[in-house]
């Protein structure tokens, strides 16, 4: 007997799955999972289960074609995973429920080979010859258990522009995790965020994964990261990054395709994970980075020279508690590292909570370290109550009226940080400027915007020195459906307006709202001529991907950074939907030709 099943795209499967949930809330939810692709023939089975109470029923499949043979030990592992989901997992919170997390434009898409795009508005400025490439989570398989958005496999979405014409492609970063799970057609690596909740399920999943490693089913020495967070040029090599692994080197081909070259360990000198947000000094070309860990030293600082040679680690033993330190800032003299209220705590698991949680009693601190320090003996810490940041805008040094040295740092302060993982719609980021007098220890703070802002960027040539303008993604408070990474527009801030008016707390000088049904993500500033020392700081363009939720289409937007309305000068219709994602980078053609990417 044969059941004929029409084979959908993965992205169509998710949208179909979501629509079934919305229309049949009290009926079992159907997942269509691709389990084999051999000689372009697909074998599929339908797995029906109730996600909430984890009841599973296996449907029939095409009996004329044999399924790939699965080793007995792998069948045992899969059965144990099913048992964990059924008996140990707590009811799925919306923040880790795939039917909610992976709905609408958060649903993953398939890979797309280089495809020519159509310019539907205006024309692409000639200075934008190059590539804009942005990263984001895009799970390879429908998750078989709790799944947080940040757990998805990394996929890069790349638009290559040359002489006003654009080519677009989407490719997975071929990580160790991706390749092994592609072979077994299932998720086997424990979810760093979604799966680390509750002691019994955490221990069970950890034990099961250790067993897979012991039986040779997974080479943990090659990493468990997803490379889904950001991209950076490190010593001339384009890398895809996430903070749970070392970078993956990627290459952009002449036709716009993106190829994964493999782990980039800097000649064996980087053996552990590193931040997804290294800071690159535009003058020296050095990159400054760190890694955080759940055991001491909780943070380790290091840097790379202009040629990408990693320098020795500097363990920060003066950080006394684990902190989810996501980003850093640099000045001409210092590296700025923040300790926030979010961190790991094994006792959270005992109480059925996430391993990563919030300590409301902890006072956030800003650490100032000479950026060429060989140890942390010169590290100075300054308490900054309720200052929790994920992304730093910039930092620089100043001399105050008394001749004292002052370090200035600008960043969005995440209010209601306790909601970060579970109720992202409730968090709010207000842009703050913090001044620290290095000699006296006096810390002063000034709000420069009360709007809900995140994903801040500046003209990259102003990193580590005083800048005037910030571009940031904004989410209007009236957006009832607003969720993390789904932003309603982009704003431009002029920080000097607050200096001229000490009582001013709103420095937004330009904005572009996408509209009720259109949403975007992180903006990126591209200078018209980054080599011109006399160019104005805002002489350039703001670019971003944008999605129309009514039509289901995505586009690449180019906005005039000097316009009071951030006027759209070009819009490129993309051949495939681009899910909401994380961070990107623009590499001009002349720089692309000089790097190993």
Protein backbone atom coordinates (compact mmCIF):
# COMPACT_ATOMS: atom_id res chain seq x y z
CA UNK A 1 0.00 0.00 0.00
CA UNK A 2 1.27 3.47 -0.86
CA UNK A 3 0.25 6.81 0.53
CA UNK A 4 1.03 9.62 -1.89
CA UNK A 5 2.27 12.69 -0.07
CA UNK A 6 3.00 15.99 -1.81
CA UNK A 7 6.46 17.19 -0.80
CA UNK A 8 6.42 20.76 0.55
CA UNK A 9 9.33 23.10 1.04
CA UNK A 10 10.59 23.30 4.60
CA UNK A 11 9.41 26.90 4.87
CA UNK A 12 5.99 25.93 3.53
CA UNK A 13 5.84 23.12 6.07
CA UNK A 14 6.28 25.56 8.94
CA UNK A 15 3.67 27.96 7.64
CA UNK A 16 1.24 25.09 7.07
CA UNK A 17 1.97 23.79 10.56
CA UNK A 18 1.31 27.22 12.08
CA UNK A 19 -1.94 27.66 10.17
CA UNK A 20 -3.18 24.28 11.38
CA UNK A 21 -2.47 25.25 14.97
CA UNK A 22 -4.38 28.50 14.63
CA UNK A 23 -7.42 26.85 13.05
CA UNK A 24 -7.46 23.66 15.14
CA UNK A 25 -6.27 24.60 18.60
CA UNK A 26 -7.76 21.50 20.22
CA UNK A 27 -6.68 18.97 17.59
CA UNK A 28 -3.32 17.21 17.22
CA UNK A 29 -0.66 19.23 15.45
CA UNK A 30 0.85 17.74 12.30
CA UNK A 31 4.50 18.07 11.43
CA UNK A 32 5.79 16.99 8.04
CA UNK A 33 9.44 16.07 8.38
CA UNK A 34 11.83 15.28 5.55
CA UNK A 35 13.84 12.19 6.53
CA UNK A 36 15.80 11.32 3.41
CA UNK A 37 16.96 12.86 0.16
CA UNK A 38 18.72 10.22 -1.93
CA UNK A 39 19.24 10.71 -5.67
CA UNK A 40 16.74 13.59 -5.55
CA UNK A 41 13.94 11.23 -4.37
CA UNK A 42 12.31 12.31 -1.10
CA UNK A 43 10.97 9.88 1.46
CA UNK A 44 8.70 11.54 3.96
CA UNK A 45 6.77 10.45 6.97
CA UNK A 46 4.09 12.35 8.82
CA UNK A 47 4.56 12.58 12.55
CA UNK A 48 1.48 13.60 14.47
CA UNK A 49 1.75 14.66 18.03
CA UNK A 50 0.28 16.97 20.62
CA UNK A 51 3.12 19.28 21.54
CA UNK A 52 1.64 20.33 24.84
CA UNK A 53 1.28 16.88 26.36
CA UNK A 54 3.82 15.22 24.05
CA UNK A 55 1.55 12.43 22.73
CA UNK A 56 2.90 10.92 19.49
CA UNK A 57 1.31 8.86 16.75
CA UNK A 58 3.37 7.68 13.79
CA UNK A 59 1.58 7.68 10.45
CA UNK A 60 2.32 5.49 7.45
CA UNK A 61 4.71 6.39 4.69
CA UNK A 62 5.66 5.19 1.20
CA UNK A 63 6.20 1.45 1.63
CA UNK A 64 7.59 0.87 -1.86
CA UNK A 65 10.83 2.66 -1.12
CA UNK A 66 13.03 1.42 1.74
CA UNK A 67 14.03 3.89 4.42
CA UNK A 68 17.71 4.42 5.14
CA UNK A 69 19.02 1.94 7.65
CA UNK A 70 19.37 3.43 11.10
CA UNK A 71 21.86 1.79 13.49
CA UNK A 72 20.24 0.17 16.50
CA UNK A 73 22.12 2.46 18.87
CA UNK A 74 20.77 5.50 17.01
CA UNK A 75 17.25 4.13 17.36
CA UNK A 76 17.86 3.80 21.09
CA UNK A 77 19.11 7.38 21.30
CA UNK A 78 16.04 8.61 19.41
CA UNK A 79 13.74 6.65 21.73
CA UNK A 80 15.42 8.15 24.78
CA UNK A 81 15.04 11.64 23.34
CA UNK A 82 11.35 10.96 22.78
CA UNK A 83 11.03 9.78 26.38
CA UNK A 84 12.66 12.97 27.67
CA UNK A 85 10.19 15.07 25.70
CA UNK A 86 7.23 13.00 26.83
CA UNK A 87 7.99 12.44 30.50
CA UNK A 88 10.55 15.01 31.70
CA UNK A 89 9.95 18.24 29.80
CA UNK A 90 7.62 20.73 31.43
CA UNK A 91 4.72 22.12 29.36
CA UNK A 92 6.14 24.30 26.65
CA UNK A 93 6.31 27.99 27.44
CA UNK A 94 5.60 30.20 24.40
CA UNK A 95 9.26 31.26 24.38
CA UNK A 96 10.35 27.68 23.55
CA UNK A 97 7.26 26.43 21.69
CA UNK A 98 8.24 25.87 18.03
CA UNK A 99 4.69 26.52 16.87
CA UNK A 100 4.98 30.04 18.26
CA UNK A 101 8.67 30.81 17.93
CA UNK A 102 8.91 29.64 14.32
CA UNK A 103 5.72 31.22 13.01
CA UNK A 104 5.21 33.95 10.41
CA UNK A 105 8.49 35.44 9.21
CA UNK A 106 10.40 33.71 12.00
CA UNK A 107 9.86 30.44 10.11
CA UNK A 108 12.98 29.07 8.41
CA UNK A 109 13.56 29.03 4.66
CA UNK A 110 15.41 26.71 2.32
CA UNK A 111 18.80 27.48 0.85
CA UNK A 112 18.72 29.53 -2.35
CA UNK A 113 21.49 29.56 -4.94
CA UNK A 114 22.55 32.93 -6.39
CA UNK A 115 19.54 34.53 -8.07
CA UNK A 116 19.30 37.88 -9.83
CA UNK A 117 17.07 40.48 -8.16
CA UNK A 118 14.90 43.29 -9.47
CA UNK A 119 15.26 46.91 -8.39
CA UNK A 120 11.65 48.01 -7.83
CA UNK A 121 12.30 51.56 -6.59
CA UNK A 122 15.00 54.10 -7.38
CA UNK A 123 18.51 52.97 -8.20
CA UNK A 124 21.34 51.52 -6.15
CA UNK A 125 24.09 54.10 -5.45
CA UNK A 126 27.38 53.28 -7.17
CA UNK A 127 29.23 53.40 -3.83
CA UNK A 128 27.33 50.29 -2.75
CA UNK A 129 29.24 47.97 -5.05
CA UNK A 130 30.03 45.06 -2.73
CA UNK A 131 28.06 42.67 -0.53
CA UNK A 132 25.66 42.99 2.36
CA UNK A 133 25.54 39.73 4.29
CA UNK A 134 23.44 39.14 7.39
CA UNK A 135 23.19 36.20 9.77
CA UNK A 136 20.31 34.63 11.67
CA UNK A 137 18.89 31.41 13.20
CA UNK A 138 17.25 29.07 10.66
CA UNK A 139 16.72 25.54 12.09
CA UNK A 140 17.50 22.76 9.66
CA UNK A 141 14.81 20.48 11.10
CA UNK A 142 11.56 20.99 12.94
CA UNK A 143 12.66 20.89 16.59
CA UNK A 144 11.79 17.73 18.49
CA UNK A 145 11.29 19.47 21.81
CA UNK A 146 11.68 22.91 23.42
CA UNK A 147 13.40 25.38 21.10
CA UNK A 148 14.36 29.01 21.62
CA UNK A 149 14.77 31.27 18.61
CA UNK A 150 18.49 31.72 19.37
CA UNK A 151 19.03 27.94 19.10
CA UNK A 152 18.50 27.75 15.32
CA UNK A 153 21.20 26.79 12.81
CA UNK A 154 22.98 29.76 11.28
CA UNK A 155 22.00 30.87 7.80
CA UNK A 156 23.54 33.83 5.97
CA UNK A 157 21.54 35.93 3.52
CA UNK A 158 23.83 37.68 1.04
CA UNK A 159 23.11 40.32 -1.59
CA UNK A 160 25.99 41.07 -3.98
CA UNK A 161 25.80 44.38 -5.82
CA UNK A 162 27.77 45.35 -8.90
CA UNK A 163 27.08 48.26 -11.25
CA UNK A 164 23.55 48.72 -9.98
CA UNK A 165 22.60 45.04 -10.36
CA UNK A 166 22.02 42.69 -7.45
CA UNK A 167 22.28 38.94 -6.87
CA UNK A 168 20.91 37.28 -3.75
CA UNK A 169 21.49 33.91 -2.09
CA UNK A 170 20.81 32.17 1.23
CA UNK A 171 23.16 29.51 2.58
CA UNK A 172 23.52 27.57 5.81
CA UNK A 173 26.83 27.93 7.59
CA UNK A 174 28.03 24.32 7.39
CA UNK A 175 28.96 23.90 11.03
CA UNK A 176 29.93 20.62 12.65
CA UNK A 177 26.47 20.49 14.24
CA UNK A 178 24.74 21.15 10.92
CA UNK A 179 26.66 18.47 9.03
CA UNK A 180 26.20 15.71 11.62
CA UNK A 181 22.50 16.43 12.13
CA UNK A 182 22.06 16.49 8.35
CA UNK A 183 23.41 12.94 8.24
CA UNK A 184 21.06 11.60 10.93
CA UNK A 185 18.13 13.80 9.82
CA UNK A 186 17.40 14.90 13.36
CA UNK A 187 18.32 17.42 16.07
CA UNK A 188 20.80 15.76 18.42
CA UNK A 189 22.79 18.61 20.02
CA UNK A 190 21.15 19.92 23.23
CA UNK A 191 19.65 23.39 22.79
CA UNK A 192 21.83 25.91 24.63
CA UNK A 193 18.87 28.05 25.67
CA UNK A 194 15.65 26.19 24.93
CA UNK A 195 16.73 22.81 26.33
CA UNK A 196 18.44 23.97 29.53
CA UNK A 197 15.46 24.25 31.84
CA UNK A 198 14.57 21.99 34.76
CA UNK A 199 17.07 19.68 36.45
CA UNK A 200 15.73 16.30 35.34
CA UNK A 201 15.39 17.11 31.63
CA UNK A 202 18.72 18.99 31.62
CA UNK A 203 20.61 16.07 33.19
CA UNK A 204 18.87 13.57 30.92
CA UNK A 205 19.70 15.50 27.76
CA UNK A 206 23.29 16.12 28.86
CA UNK A 207 23.73 12.41 29.64
CA UNK A 208 22.23 11.39 26.30
CA UNK A 209 24.54 13.75 24.44
CA UNK A 210 27.59 12.46 26.36
CA UNK A 211 26.54 8.94 25.34
CA UNK A 212 26.39 9.99 21.68
CA UNK A 213 29.89 11.42 21.99
CA UNK A 214 31.17 8.28 23.75
CA UNK A 215 29.78 6.05 20.99
CA UNK A 216 31.44 8.19 18.34
CA UNK A 217 28.20 9.64 16.97
CA UNK A 218 29.36 13.21 17.57
CA UNK A 219 32.86 14.72 17.58
CA UNK A 220 32.53 17.39 20.25
CA UNK A 221 36.10 18.56 19.58
CA UNK A 222 34.81 20.06 16.33
CA UNK A 223 32.30 22.24 18.15
CA UNK A 224 28.60 22.47 18.94
CA UNK A 225 28.03 26.08 17.82
CA UNK A 226 25.47 27.28 15.29
CA UNK A 227 27.31 30.32 13.83
CA UNK A 228 24.03 32.23 13.73
CA UNK A 229 24.75 35.59 15.36
CA UNK A 230 27.00 37.92 13.37
CA UNK A 231 29.77 38.30 10.82
CA UNK A 232 33.14 40.02 11.01
CA UNK A 233 36.33 40.52 9.02
CA UNK A 234 39.17 39.18 11.19
CA UNK A 235 42.63 39.55 9.71
CA UNK A 236 41.22 39.64 6.20
CA UNK A 237 39.02 36.55 6.69
CA UNK A 238 35.23 36.81 6.71
CA UNK A 239 33.85 34.80 9.63
CA UNK A 240 30.41 33.72 10.83
CA UNK A 241 30.23 33.94 14.62
CA UNK A 242 28.31 32.81 17.67
CA UNK A 243 29.54 32.99 21.24
CA UNK A 244 29.33 29.24 21.92
CA UNK A 245 32.04 28.30 19.39
CA UNK A 246 35.08 29.54 17.51
CA UNK A 247 34.47 31.35 14.19
CA UNK A 248 33.64 29.67 10.90
CA UNK A 249 35.46 31.02 7.85
CA UNK A 250 33.23 31.68 4.85
CA UNK A 251 33.96 32.73 1.28
CA UNK A 252 31.88 34.80 -1.13
CA UNK A 253 32.26 33.60 -4.68
CA UNK A 254 32.33 35.79 -7.77
CA UNK A 255 28.74 34.82 -8.59
CA UNK A 256 27.58 35.79 -5.09
CA UNK A 257 27.42 32.28 -3.65
CA UNK A 258 28.54 31.72 -0.05
CA UNK A 259 30.78 28.78 0.83
CA UNK A 260 31.73 27.56 4.32
CA UNK A 261 35.46 26.88 4.55
CA UNK A 262 35.39 25.45 8.09
CA UNK A 263 36.55 26.36 11.57
CA UNK A 264 38.97 29.28 11.75
CA UNK A 265 41.15 28.75 14.83
CA UNK A 266 43.87 31.27 13.95
CA UNK A 267 46.64 28.71 13.52
CA UNK A 268 45.52 26.75 16.56
CA UNK A 269 45.73 29.72 18.94
CA UNK A 270 41.96 29.95 19.48
CA UNK A 271 40.83 26.69 21.03
CA UNK A 272 37.73 27.91 22.88
CA UNK A 273 34.70 30.02 22.10
CA UNK A 274 34.72 33.78 21.56
CA UNK A 275 32.24 36.64 21.44
CA UNK A 276 30.16 37.22 18.34
CA UNK A 277 30.93 40.96 18.63
CA UNK A 278 34.67 41.63 18.27
CA UNK A 279 35.48 45.32 17.93
CA UNK A 280 37.82 46.37 15.12
CA UNK A 281 39.89 49.55 15.36
CA UNK A 282 39.52 51.24 11.95
CA UNK A 283 43.00 52.77 12.19
CA UNK A 284 45.15 49.92 13.51
CA UNK A 285 42.93 47.13 12.05
CA UNK A 286 43.30 45.22 15.32
CA UNK A 287 40.34 43.20 16.60
CA UNK A 288 39.50 43.06 20.31
CA UNK A 289 37.45 40.20 21.69
CA UNK A 290 36.70 37.99 24.70
CA UNK A 291 34.87 34.86 25.71
CA UNK A 292 32.67 34.20 28.70
CA UNK A 293 32.20 30.92 30.50
CA UNK A 294 30.20 29.40 33.36
CA UNK A 295 33.30 28.75 35.50
CA UNK A 296 36.25 30.91 36.53
CA UNK A 297 37.64 32.86 34.84
CA UNK A 298 34.17 33.95 33.83
CA UNK A 299 35.58 36.28 31.18
CA UNK A 300 38.83 36.06 29.23
CA UNK A 301 39.98 38.98 27.10
CA UNK A 302 42.24 38.78 24.01
CA UNK A 303 42.98 40.55 20.77
CA UNK A 304 44.15 39.95 17.19
CA UNK A 305 46.71 42.05 15.34
CA UNK A 306 46.04 43.53 11.91
CA UNK A 307 47.14 40.28 10.23
CA UNK A 308 44.79 38.14 12.31
CA UNK A 309 47.44 36.78 14.68
CA UNK A 310 45.84 36.02 18.04
CA UNK A 311 47.62 37.45 21.07
CA UNK A 312 47.76 35.73 24.50
CA UNK A 313 44.66 35.39 26.69
CA UNK A 314 44.11 37.78 29.60
CA UNK A 315 41.88 36.03 32.18
CA UNK A 316 39.69 38.46 34.13
CA UNK A 317 39.75 36.93 37.62
CA UNK A 318 38.23 40.06 39.14
CA UNK A 319 34.82 39.14 37.73
CA UNK A 320 33.33 37.19 40.63
CA UNK A 321 30.11 35.90 39.08
CA UNK A 322 29.20 34.47 35.67
CA UNK A 323 27.72 37.05 33.33
CA UNK A 324 26.17 36.82 29.90
CA UNK A 325 28.56 39.44 28.56
CA UNK A 326 27.53 39.66 24.94
CA UNK A 327 29.47 42.67 23.66
CA UNK A 328 32.36 45.00 24.48
CA UNK A 329 33.50 48.47 23.51
CA UNK A 330 36.96 49.92 22.92
CA UNK A 331 38.52 53.36 23.18
CA UNK A 332 41.97 54.45 22.04
CA UNK A 333 43.37 53.24 25.37
CA UNK A 334 40.87 50.83 26.94
CA UNK A 335 38.67 47.80 26.47
CA UNK A 336 35.26 48.16 28.17
CA UNK A 337 33.65 44.96 29.49
CA UNK A 338 30.25 44.92 31.18
CA UNK A 339 29.01 42.58 33.89
CA UNK A 340 25.21 42.34 33.83
CA UNK A 341 22.50 40.68 35.91
CA UNK A 342 22.00 37.78 33.48
CA UNK A 343 24.23 34.77 34.04
CA UNK A 344 24.29 31.03 34.63
CA UNK A 345 23.17 29.55 37.94
CA UNK A 346 22.84 25.76 38.39
CA UNK A 347 20.34 26.31 41.21
CA UNK A 348 17.89 27.64 38.62
CA UNK A 349 17.57 24.12 37.27
CA UNK A 350 16.59 22.79 40.69
CA UNK A 351 13.67 25.22 40.71
CA UNK A 352 12.59 24.22 37.21
CA UNK A 353 13.93 27.41 35.65
CA UNK A 354 16.48 28.16 32.91
CA UNK A 355 20.16 27.53 33.56
CA UNK A 356 20.67 31.10 32.32
CA UNK A 357 18.67 33.51 34.45
CA UNK A 358 18.55 36.90 36.14
CA UNK A 359 20.00 37.72 39.55
CA UNK A 360 18.01 40.79 40.72
CA UNK A 361 20.34 41.29 43.71
CA UNK A 362 23.42 41.65 41.55
CA UNK A 363 24.66 45.20 40.81
CA UNK A 364 25.88 45.55 37.20
CA UNK A 365 29.43 46.81 36.71
CA UNK A 366 31.51 48.33 33.94
CA UNK A 367 35.12 47.15 33.77
CA UNK A 368 37.84 49.32 32.24
CA UNK A 369 41.01 47.50 31.15
CA UNK A 370 44.02 48.91 29.24
CA UNK A 371 43.54 47.34 25.87
CA UNK A 372 47.13 46.06 25.66
CA UNK A 373 47.11 44.69 29.22
CA UNK A 374 48.91 41.40 29.83
CA UNK A 375 46.88 40.58 32.95
CA UNK A 376 43.89 42.01 34.82
CA UNK A 377 45.90 43.75 37.55
CA UNK A 378 45.01 47.16 36.06
CA UNK A 379 41.32 46.33 35.64
CA UNK A 380 39.04 48.89 37.30
CA UNK A 381 35.39 48.14 38.03
CA UNK A 382 32.62 50.70 38.45
CA UNK A 383 29.13 49.89 39.73
CA UNK A 384 26.31 51.08 37.48
CA UNK A 385 22.98 49.96 39.05
CA UNK A 386 20.37 48.49 36.69
CA UNK A 387 22.62 48.94 33.67
CA UNK A 388 22.14 45.80 31.58
CA UNK A 389 23.39 45.95 28.00
CA UNK A 390 23.69 43.49 25.16
CA UNK A 391 25.11 45.75 22.48
CA UNK A 392 27.53 48.62 22.93
CA UNK A 393 27.29 51.55 20.52
CA UNK A 394 30.72 53.11 21.03
CA UNK A 395 33.19 54.43 23.61
CA UNK A 396 35.91 57.06 23.78
CA UNK A 397 38.02 59.13 26.20
CA UNK A 398 37.50 62.75 27.19
CA UNK A 399 39.16 65.22 29.57
CA UNK A 400 36.73 66.88 32.00
CA UNK A 401 36.79 70.50 33.14
CA UNK A 402 39.12 69.60 36.03
CA UNK A 403 41.59 67.87 33.76
CA UNK A 404 40.52 64.37 34.79
CA UNK A 405 40.34 61.43 32.39
CA UNK A 406 36.79 60.35 31.58
CA UNK A 407 35.68 57.24 29.70
CA UNK A 408 32.39 57.67 27.83
CA UNK A 409 30.28 54.71 26.79
CA UNK A 410 26.97 54.69 24.88
CA UNK A 411 24.62 51.71 24.79
CA UNK A 412 20.93 50.78 24.94
CA UNK A 413 20.07 49.83 28.53
CA UNK A 414 17.68 46.87 28.57
CA UNK A 415 14.88 47.60 31.02
CA UNK A 416 12.87 44.69 32.47
CA UNK A 417 15.80 42.39 31.67
CA UNK A 418 14.05 39.53 33.50
CA UNK A 419 11.78 39.19 30.46
CA UNK A 420 14.61 38.87 27.93
CA UNK A 421 14.25 35.16 27.18
CA UNK A 422 10.55 34.60 27.82
CA UNK A 423 8.70 37.86 27.10
CA UNK A 424 10.80 39.80 24.64
CA UNK A 425 7.76 41.93 23.83
CA UNK A 426 7.99 43.44 27.34
CA UNK A 427 11.64 44.53 27.31
CA UNK A 428 12.58 48.09 26.44
CA UNK A 429 15.95 49.52 25.48
CA UNK A 430 16.55 53.19 26.30
CA UNK A 431 19.72 54.73 24.85
CA UNK A 432 22.12 55.91 27.58
CA UNK A 433 25.44 57.72 27.74
CA UNK A 434 27.58 56.74 30.75
CA UNK A 435 30.58 58.79 31.85
CA UNK A 436 33.21 57.34 34.21
CA UNK A 437 35.88 59.46 35.86
CA UNK A 438 38.80 57.07 36.04
CA UNK A 439 40.53 58.89 38.93
CA UNK A 440 37.56 59.69 41.20
CA UNK A 441 35.34 56.74 40.26
CA UNK A 442 32.34 59.02 39.82
CA UNK A 443 29.81 57.61 37.34
CA UNK A 444 27.21 59.83 35.66
CA UNK A 445 24.42 58.75 33.33
CA UNK A 446 22.27 60.55 30.80
CA UNK A 447 19.37 59.17 28.76
CA UNK A 448 19.62 60.32 25.15
CA UNK A 449 16.47 58.54 23.95
CA UNK A 450 13.50 56.97 25.71
CA UNK A 451 12.35 55.21 22.55
CA UNK A 452 12.59 51.43 22.46
CA UNK A 453 15.90 50.98 20.61
CA UNK A 454 18.23 48.10 19.86
CA UNK A 455 20.69 46.89 17.20
CA UNK A 456 22.60 50.21 17.29
CA UNK A 457 25.26 50.96 14.66
CA UNK A 458 27.53 53.87 13.77
CA UNK A 459 29.82 54.85 10.94
CA UNK A 460 32.51 52.12 11.39
CA UNK A 461 35.34 54.62 10.89
CA UNK A 462 34.36 56.24 14.22
CA UNK A 463 34.81 53.14 16.39
CA UNK A 464 36.87 54.01 19.52
CA UNK A 465 36.60 57.76 19.02
CA UNK A 466 33.89 60.31 19.67
CA UNK A 467 31.02 60.08 17.21
CA UNK A 468 27.91 62.14 16.69
CA UNK A 469 25.34 59.88 15.04
CA UNK A 470 23.73 56.54 15.94
CA UNK A 471 21.36 54.46 13.81
CA UNK A 472 19.16 51.97 15.63
CA UNK A 473 16.19 49.69 15.11
CA UNK A 474 13.03 50.79 16.90
CA UNK A 475 9.85 49.02 17.99
CA UNK A 476 6.80 51.13 18.60
CA UNK A 477 5.11 50.40 21.95
CA UNK A 478 1.74 50.15 20.21
CA UNK A 479 2.87 47.09 18.29
CA UNK A 480 0.84 44.47 20.13
CA UNK A 481 2.33 41.65 18.05
CA UNK A 482 5.87 42.99 18.35
CA UNK A 483 8.45 40.37 19.22
CA UNK A 484 12.21 40.28 19.46
CA UNK A 485 13.94 41.11 16.16
CA UNK A 486 10.67 42.23 14.52
CA UNK A 487 11.14 45.99 14.41
CA UNK A 488 8.94 48.70 12.96
CA UNK A 489 11.58 51.09 11.69
CA UNK A 490 14.97 52.77 12.02
CA UNK A 491 15.93 56.03 13.73
CA UNK A 492 18.91 58.37 13.67
CA UNK A 493 20.17 60.00 16.87
CA UNK A 494 22.35 63.09 17.21
CA UNK A 495 24.19 62.80 20.55
CA UNK A 496 25.49 66.37 20.45
CA UNK A 497 21.97 67.71 20.87
CA UNK A 498 22.02 66.43 24.46
CA UNK A 499 25.37 68.12 25.11
CA UNK A 500 23.93 71.47 24.03
CA UNK A 501 20.79 70.97 26.13
CA UNK A 502 21.49 69.13 29.40
CA UNK A 503 17.78 68.59 30.08
CA UNK A 504 17.13 67.02 26.71
CA UNK A 505 16.36 63.30 26.86
CA UNK A 506 15.28 62.71 23.26
CA UNK A 507 17.96 62.95 20.59
CA UNK A 508 16.17 61.30 17.65
CA UNK A 509 16.58 63.61 14.64
CA UNK A 510 15.35 61.38 11.81
CA UNK A 511 13.28 58.24 11.43
CA UNK A 512 11.80 55.88 8.88
CA UNK A 513 8.83 53.72 9.87
CA UNK A 514 8.22 50.78 7.55
CA UNK A 515 4.43 50.70 7.92
CA UNK A 516 1.82 48.58 9.69
CA UNK A 517 2.56 45.39 7.78
CA UNK A 518 6.27 45.84 7.09
CA UNK A 519 9.03 45.05 9.54
CA UNK A 520 12.80 44.99 9.43
CA UNK A 521 15.83 44.21 11.54
CA UNK A 522 19.26 45.62 12.27
CA UNK A 523 20.29 48.63 10.14
CA UNK A 524 23.85 49.05 8.89
CA UNK A 525 25.62 52.28 7.92
CA UNK A 526 27.70 52.36 4.73
CA UNK A 527 29.84 55.46 4.14
CA UNK A 528 29.74 56.97 0.68
CA UNK A 529 33.53 57.21 0.72
CA UNK A 530 35.17 55.77 3.82
CA UNK A 531 38.62 56.79 2.52
CA UNK A 532 37.79 60.51 2.45
CA UNK A 533 39.08 62.11 5.70
CA UNK A 534 36.98 65.23 5.06
CA UNK A 535 33.67 63.41 4.59
CA UNK A 536 30.87 64.20 7.00
CA UNK A 537 30.14 61.45 9.52
CA UNK A 538 26.64 60.78 8.17
CA UNK A 539 27.55 61.00 4.47
CA UNK A 540 26.34 57.61 3.37
CA UNK A 541 23.46 55.17 3.41
CA UNK A 542 21.59 53.01 5.89
CA UNK A 543 20.78 49.53 4.56
CA UNK A 544 18.61 46.74 5.93
CA UNK A 545 16.43 43.81 4.98
CA UNK A 546 12.68 44.44 5.27
CA UNK A 547 9.70 42.07 5.11
CA UNK A 548 6.10 42.68 4.05
CA UNK A 549 3.94 40.36 6.15
CA UNK A 550 0.89 40.80 3.93
CA UNK A 551 2.53 39.88 0.62
CA UNK A 552 5.13 37.56 2.17
CA UNK A 553 7.88 39.29 0.19
CA UNK A 554 11.20 40.63 1.44
CA UNK A 555 13.36 43.42 0.09
CA UNK A 556 16.70 45.14 0.52
CA UNK A 557 16.29 48.79 1.52
CA UNK A 558 18.77 51.63 0.90
CA UNK A 559 18.09 54.85 2.84
CA UNK A 560 19.78 58.25 2.64
CA UNK A 561 21.46 58.68 6.05
CA UNK A 562 21.44 62.50 5.78
CA UNK A 563 17.76 62.80 4.94
CA UNK A 564 15.48 63.98 7.79
CA UNK A 565 13.11 61.16 6.83
CA UNK A 566 15.84 58.63 5.96
CA UNK A 567 14.46 58.69 2.44
CA UNK A 568 14.43 55.37 0.57
CA UNK A 569 16.63 55.81 -2.49
CA UNK A 570 16.50 52.18 -3.62
CA UNK A 571 14.49 49.05 -2.90
CA UNK A 572 15.46 45.66 -4.27
CA UNK A 573 12.86 42.88 -4.35
CA UNK A 574 14.43 39.64 -3.13
CA UNK A 575 13.65 36.28 -4.78
CA UNK A 576 13.01 34.63 -1.42
CA UNK A 577 11.66 35.60 1.98
CA UNK A 578 14.34 36.63 4.50
CA UNK A 579 13.40 35.64 8.08
CA UNK A 580 13.98 38.15 10.87
CA UNK A 581 17.54 37.69 12.03
CA UNK A 582 20.49 39.15 13.85
CA UNK A 583 23.62 41.01 12.70
CA UNK A 584 25.19 41.78 9.35
CA UNK A 585 28.07 43.55 7.63
CA UNK A 586 28.61 45.43 4.37
CA UNK A 587 31.90 44.84 2.56
CA UNK A 588 32.74 47.16 -0.30
CA UNK A 589 33.99 45.65 -3.55
CA UNK A 590 37.55 46.93 -3.19
CA UNK A 591 37.78 45.50 0.34
CA UNK A 592 36.19 42.24 -0.80
CA UNK A 593 38.87 41.81 -3.44
CA UNK A 594 41.61 42.25 -0.83
CA UNK A 595 40.31 39.80 1.77
CA UNK A 596 40.24 36.01 1.95
CA UNK A 597 36.48 35.91 1.48
